[in-house]
Amino acid sequence: APADNDRVAALLGEHARTHPGSSGTIELVVLNGCGSLDLGRKCRSRGVPVVVCWETDVQDEAAYLFVRGFFRSLAESRDFEVAFRAGKAAVRSKTRLVLEGARTRTVPFFELTAPGPEPAKPLPSGSFA
């Protein structure tokens, strides 16, 4: 059965490091799956300091490239925002050739865009989408 987002967020929040001196150990939650924004927001509201999630559907390979780039960078930099940018760069680094007449050009294989016709709304500080 699918997990209840409220229960999962409450459990993660109980173990979150919300401020210096907190007994919690969770500083980061990565929800690397389609449409995980609702759970991500609930985790933030329960005190998880940093949450990375997908608002939209995501192809498996793009999710893999993102998380690989994210965690490699995080291991080096220990900076969540730097790691987030590295994850996005890893997704954008996969390219394909497109034939245009007699010429070919390289274009990104995946496209990272705001979902829907409206621009994405800013998330609370410490959240990345």
Foldseek 3Di string as FASTA:
>chain_A
DDDDLLVVLLVLLVQAPQDPPDNHDAQEEEALAAQCVVSQQSNVVSRRQAYEYYNHGDDPVLSVQLVVQLVVVCVVPVDNVRSNVSSVVSQQPDWDWDDDPPDIDIGGPDDDAADDPDRDDDDPPRYDD
